[in-house]
Structure formats: structure tokens, C-alpha cells
Amino acid sequence: MGQPKALLSTRGLLPGQTLLDAHLTALAPYGQRCCVVLGAEAARIRSTLGPKVEVVENTNWEHTHLADSIALGLATFPDDT
């Protein structure tokens, strides 16, 4: 691939959008907050995100699993959401 999956182009499906952009666009109507958990290439991906996207970084991404990143993201939301 040569680049993070989040930055892959959606090609003809959603011109000009990355895979991450497409997900954020699809989720936008359903909530006021959006949290993205980043690991590898965090700085590169973060630079493509808008100001309303909350970012949590899994700095230990090489030694953790997907569930750990999900837990990090969920931890940013209050218990009553």
C-alpha cells in the first residue's frame, strides 16, 4: 500500500475523500463528537483531520490489539453516553 489505510483514496465512490474522511462523513449526522484513535503514522493522519475531530493516540500501538484502541476511544466519552 505504501500509506496508512485511513488515508487510502475512496477512488470513484467518494471523489476526493480518504477512507477515514468517508467514515467521519457517514457518522457526522449521528453525534456531536467524534473520536479517532491513531497509532502508526499518527502525526501524518492527524494532519488531515479537521478541528472538530477528537484524537486519542495509542502510543503503544505496536504492542496492543484493536480492542485496546477501542477501549482508549471509549474512555473519552462519559459513562452516560
N, C-alpha and C. Protein backbone atom coordinates (compact mmCIF):
# COMPACT_ATOMS: atom_id res chain seq x y z
N MET A 1 0.82 -1.19 0.00
CA MET A 1 0.00 0.00 0.00
C MET A 1 0.87 1.26 0.00
N GLY A 2 1.82 1.31 0.91
CA GLY A 2 2.70 2.47 0.97
C GLY A 2 2.16 3.64 1.76
N GLN A 3 0.97 3.49 2.34
CA GLN A 3 0.39 4.56 3.15
C GLN A 3 -0.59 3.94 4.15
N PRO A 4 -0.93 4.70 5.19
CA PRO A 4 -1.88 4.17 6.18
C PRO A 4 -3.23 3.89 5.53
N LYS A 5 -3.92 2.85 5.99
CA LYS A 5 -5.24 2.52 5.45
C LYS A 5 -6.20 3.69 5.56
N ALA A 6 -6.11 4.44 6.65
CA ALA A 6 -7.01 5.58 6.87
C ALA A 6 -6.91 6.61 5.76
N LEU A 7 -5.75 6.69 5.11
CA LEU A 7 -5.53 7.70 4.08
C LEU A 7 -5.72 7.18 2.66
N LEU A 8 -6.17 5.93 2.53
CA LEU A 8 -6.43 5.40 1.20
C LEU A 8 -7.57 6.16 0.53
N SER A 9 -7.46 6.36 -0.74
CA SER A 9 -8.49 7.06 -1.51
C SER A 9 -9.72 6.17 -1.67
N THR A 10 -10.88 6.78 -1.65
CA THR A 10 -12.11 6.03 -1.91
C THR A 10 -12.37 5.93 -3.41
N ARG A 11 -11.46 6.48 -4.18
CA ARG A 11 -11.50 6.47 -5.65
C ARG A 11 -12.79 7.04 -6.17
N GLY A 12 -13.45 6.35 -7.06
CA GLY A 12 -14.65 6.88 -7.70
C GLY A 12 -15.88 6.91 -6.80
N LEU A 13 -15.84 6.19 -5.68
CA LEU A 13 -17.01 6.13 -4.81
C LEU A 13 -17.32 7.49 -4.18
N LEU A 14 -16.32 8.10 -3.59
CA LEU A 14 -16.45 9.41 -2.95
C LEU A 14 -15.23 10.22 -3.35
N PRO A 15 -15.25 10.83 -4.52
CA PRO A 15 -14.08 11.53 -5.04
C PRO A 15 -13.51 12.54 -4.06
N GLY A 16 -12.20 12.51 -3.91
CA GLY A 16 -11.51 13.46 -3.06
C GLY A 16 -11.50 13.10 -1.58
N GLN A 17 -12.14 12.00 -1.21
CA GLN A 17 -12.17 11.61 0.19
C GLN A 17 -11.28 10.41 0.44
N THR A 18 -10.71 10.40 1.65
CA THR A 18 -9.97 9.22 2.09
C THR A 18 -10.94 8.27 2.78
N LEU A 19 -10.47 7.10 3.08
CA LEU A 19 -11.31 6.13 3.79
C LEU A 19 -11.76 6.70 5.14
N LEU A 20 -10.86 7.36 5.85
CA LEU A 20 -11.21 7.97 7.13
C LEU A 20 -12.22 9.10 6.94
N ASP A 21 -12.03 9.94 5.93
CA ASP A 21 -13.00 11.00 5.63
C ASP A 21 -14.39 10.42 5.41
N ALA A 22 -14.45 9.34 4.66
CA ALA A 22 -15.74 8.72 4.35
C ALA A 22 -16.44 8.23 5.62
N HIS A 23 -15.68 7.64 6.52
CA HIS A 23 -16.26 7.18 7.78
C HIS A 23 -16.76 8.35 8.62
N LEU A 24 -15.95 9.40 8.71
CA LEU A 24 -16.34 10.56 9.50
C LEU A 24 -17.58 11.24 8.91
N THR A 25 -17.64 11.32 7.60
CA THR A 25 -18.80 11.91 6.94
C THR A 25 -20.06 11.09 7.21
N ALA A 26 -19.92 9.77 7.16
CA ALA A 26 -21.07 8.89 7.40
C ALA A 26 -21.56 8.97 8.84
N LEU A 27 -20.65 9.18 9.78
CA LEU A 27 -21.02 9.23 11.20
C LEU A 27 -21.49 10.60 11.67
N ALA A 28 -21.14 11.63 10.96
CA ALA A 28 -21.42 13.01 11.38
C ALA A 28 -22.89 13.28 11.75
N PRO A 29 -23.85 12.80 10.99
CA PRO A 29 -25.25 13.10 11.34
C PRO A 29 -25.73 12.46 12.64
N TYR A 30 -24.98 11.52 13.19
CA TYR A 30 -25.46 10.75 14.34
C TYR A 30 -24.92 11.19 15.69
N GLY A 31 -24.03 12.13 15.72
CA GLY A 31 -23.49 12.54 17.00
C GLY A 31 -22.75 13.85 16.91
N GLN A 32 -22.53 14.45 18.06
CA GLN A 32 -21.84 15.72 18.09
C GLN A 32 -20.34 15.56 18.24
N ARG A 33 -19.92 14.45 18.79
CA ARG A 33 -18.49 14.22 19.00
C ARG A 33 -18.04 13.03 18.16
N CYS A 34 -16.82 13.12 17.71
CA CYS A 34 -16.22 12.01 17.00
C CYS A 34 -14.81 11.85 17.50
N CYS A 35 -14.45 10.65 17.88
CA CYS A 35 -13.12 10.37 18.39
C CYS A 35 -12.43 9.36 17.47
N VAL A 36 -11.23 9.69 17.07
CA VAL A 36 -10.44 8.81 16.23
C VAL A 36 -9.21 8.39 17.03
N VAL A 37 -8.98 7.09 17.10
CA VAL A 37 -7.81 6.57 17.80
C VAL A 37 -6.74 6.29 16.75
N LEU A 38 -5.58 6.90 16.94
CA LEU A 38 -4.48 6.74 15.98
C LEU A 38 -3.32 6.00 16.62
N GLY A 39 -2.60 5.27 15.80
CA GLY A 39 -1.41 4.56 16.25
C GLY A 39 -0.25 4.88 15.33
N ALA A 40 0.06 3.94 14.45
CA ALA A 40 1.14 4.15 13.49
C ALA A 40 0.80 5.34 12.60
N GLU A 41 1.81 6.16 12.31
CA GLU A 41 1.65 7.32 11.43
C GLU A 41 0.63 8.32 11.97
N ALA A 42 0.52 8.41 13.28
CA ALA A 42 -0.47 9.29 13.90
C ALA A 42 -0.34 10.73 13.45
N ALA A 43 0.86 11.26 13.41
CA ALA A 43 1.06 12.66 13.02
C ALA A 43 0.60 12.90 11.59
N ARG A 44 0.90 11.98 10.72
CA ARG A 44 0.51 12.12 9.31
C ARG A 44 -1.00 12.11 9.15
N ILE A 45 -1.67 11.21 9.85
CA ILE A 45 -3.12 11.12 9.76
C ILE A 45 -3.77 12.32 10.45
N ARG A 46 -3.25 12.69 11.61
CA ARG A 46 -3.81 13.81 12.37
C ARG A 46 -3.80 15.09 11.52
N SER A 47 -2.79 15.27 10.70
CA SER A 47 -2.68 16.49 9.89
C SER A 47 -3.78 16.59 8.84
N THR A 48 -4.47 15.51 8.56
CA THR A 48 -5.54 15.53 7.56
C THR A 48 -6.92 15.75 8.18
N LEU A 49 -7.00 15.74 9.50
CA LEU A 49 -8.29 15.82 10.18
C LEU A 49 -8.69 17.26 10.48
N GLY A 50 -9.97 17.49 10.48
CA GLY A 50 -10.49 18.81 10.81
C GLY A 50 -10.45 19.07 12.30
N PRO A 51 -10.74 20.31 12.68
CA PRO A 51 -10.63 20.71 14.09
C PRO A 51 -11.68 20.08 15.00
N LYS A 52 -12.78 19.60 14.46
CA LYS A 52 -13.84 19.04 15.29
C LYS A 52 -13.63 17.57 15.64
N VAL A 53 -12.63 16.97 15.05
CA VAL A 53 -12.37 15.55 15.30
C VAL A 53 -11.44 15.42 16.50
N GLU A 54 -11.92 14.72 17.50
CA GLU A 54 -11.11 14.47 18.70
C GLU A 54 -10.16 13.30 18.41
N VAL A 55 -8.91 13.48 18.78
CA VAL A 55 -7.90 12.45 18.51
C VAL A 55 -7.33 11.92 19.81
N VAL A 56 -7.27 10.60 19.91
CA VAL A 56 -6.60 9.91 21.01
C VAL A 56 -5.49 9.10 20.36
N GLU A 57 -4.33 9.14 20.94
CA GLU A 57 -3.22 8.40 20.34
C GLU A 57 -2.87 7.18 21.19
N ASN A 58 -2.82 6.04 20.54
CA ASN A 58 -2.37 4.81 21.18
C ASN A 58 -0.86 4.74 20.94
N THR A 59 -0.11 5.29 21.87
CA THR A 59 1.34 5.37 21.70
C THR A 59 2.01 4.00 21.80
N ASN A 60 1.27 3.03 22.30
CA ASN A 60 1.81 1.67 22.45
C ASN A 60 1.24 0.74 21.38
N TRP A 61 0.90 1.29 20.23
CA TRP A 61 0.20 0.55 19.19
C TRP A 61 0.91 -0.71 18.72
N GLU A 62 2.22 -0.73 18.78
CA GLU A 62 2.96 -1.91 18.32
C GLU A 62 2.77 -3.12 19.22
N HIS A 63 2.35 -2.88 20.45
CA HIS A 63 2.27 -3.96 21.44
C HIS A 63 0.86 -4.16 21.98
N THR A 64 -0.14 -3.57 21.32
CA THR A 64 -1.51 -3.72 21.77
C THR A 64 -2.37 -4.27 20.64
N HIS A 65 -3.62 -4.49 20.95
CA HIS A 65 -4.57 -5.06 19.99
C HIS A 65 -5.67 -4.05 19.67
N LEU A 66 -6.47 -4.36 18.68
CA LEU A 66 -7.57 -3.49 18.28
C LEU A 66 -8.47 -3.15 19.46
N ALA A 67 -8.76 -4.13 20.30
CA ALA A 67 -9.63 -3.90 21.46
C ALA A 67 -9.05 -2.83 22.38
N ASP A 68 -7.74 -2.75 22.49
CA ASP A 68 -7.12 -1.72 23.33
C ASP A 68 -7.36 -0.33 22.76
N SER A 69 -7.30 -0.19 21.46
CA SER A 69 -7.57 1.11 20.83
C SER A 69 -9.04 1.47 20.99
N ILE A 70 -9.92 0.50 20.86
CA ILE A 70 -11.35 0.76 21.06
C ILE A 70 -11.59 1.24 22.49
N ALA A 71 -10.95 0.59 23.46
CA ALA A 71 -11.10 1.00 24.86
C ALA A 71 -10.59 2.42 25.09
N LEU A 72 -9.49 2.78 24.45
CA LEU A 72 -8.97 4.15 24.57
C LEU A 72 -9.98 5.16 24.04
N GLY A 73 -10.56 4.87 22.91
CA GLY A 73 -11.55 5.77 22.33
C GLY A 73 -12.80 5.88 23.19
N LEU A 74 -13.30 4.75 23.67
CA LEU A 74 -14.50 4.76 24.50
C LEU A 74 -14.27 5.49 25.81
N ALA A 75 -13.06 5.46 26.32
CA ALA A 75 -12.73 6.12 27.58
C ALA A 75 -12.85 7.65 27.49
N THR A 76 -12.90 8.19 26.29
CA THR A 76 -13.02 9.64 26.14
C THR A 76 -14.47 10.11 26.31
N PHE A 77 -15.41 9.17 26.28
CA PHE A 77 -16.83 9.51 26.40
C PHE A 77 -17.31 9.29 27.83
N PRO A 78 -18.20 10.14 28.30
CA PRO A 78 -18.75 9.96 29.65
C PRO A 78 -19.51 8.63 29.74
N ASP A 79 -19.65 8.13 30.94
CA ASP A 79 -20.34 6.85 31.17
C ASP A 79 -21.79 6.85 30.72
N ASP A 80 -22.41 8.02 30.67
CA ASP A 80 -23.84 8.08 30.34
C ASP A 80 -24.13 8.22 28.84
N THR A 81 -23.11 8.03 27.96
CA THR A 81 -23.37 8.15 26.52
C THR A 81 -23.53 6.81 25.90
